[in-house]
């Protein structure tokens, strides 16, 4: 089911046009970001790429797209969805084909006008597919876009991966048991395969690709939003990836939301979450100072 006010381009890509000028906060392409005693005027992003978590329901995705309508009403929002299919039976060729509309739009953007928002491991994997396709088609990448990374990227651990997949299972008892048994068997085989055929697994590749920009990083900003209460993505995995990114040239901010669950940080602390987005885009270190 498509989100309200979004136009669906294919099975996974949808686009929402900017809010009308009459509903925007400012009459120009500048956005006023303010907090008590502080106010900054910065050019708003032209395009926001939102990569949702696996099998996310539209009503939950809408909470994030609505937030962007409030912060950056004049930005075009492009939603790219993902799910279990991407991990288990969707080929790389099919994934790239589905991502083509997004890559085409991104090819006409610039690093200075693009804000990327990545949700969970599923969104991280989709990021890699789009990034690789963008490099091949235009020579550009997502590495230099201001980026918010929520609950990701994690490492492959059986219990955490199963916890993630379990959230996507149908509620009806019989379908849940049947699909759960099939996915459980596949997951066990994948887990055993690591010991039979040594080498990086899919999440190892995702983590590596997201930080594999070589010398092309231009002090781009990344904000990792995470929690110690996340039972799917370990906080240590997030912090280690952030530290590696910082060593490779990204300007990194860690925002830990205490007491929140996986992709539940916006619900737990909406004000801090909003500030994290604003700070990532504006690049103002003063946001969290008194």
Foldseek 3Di string as FASTA:
>chain_A
DDAPQWDDPDDFKIKHAFADCVPDPDNDQWFWDDDVPDIDIDGAAQEEEEEEDAPDDNVVVVVVVVLCCNRRRRHMYMGGYHHPCVVPPQDLVNLLVVCVVVLVVVLPGDQLRYEYEAAECRSLLSQLSSQVSNCVPRVDGNQQHLYEYELDDAADDLQLVLVSNLVNFDPDDPSRVVVSVVVNVVSVVVVVVCVVPPDDDPSSVSLCSNQVPQLPHDQAEYEYEEECQESNGHPVRVVVSQVSSVVNRYHYHYHYQYPAYRVGRCVRDVVVVSLRSVCSSVVDPCSPPD
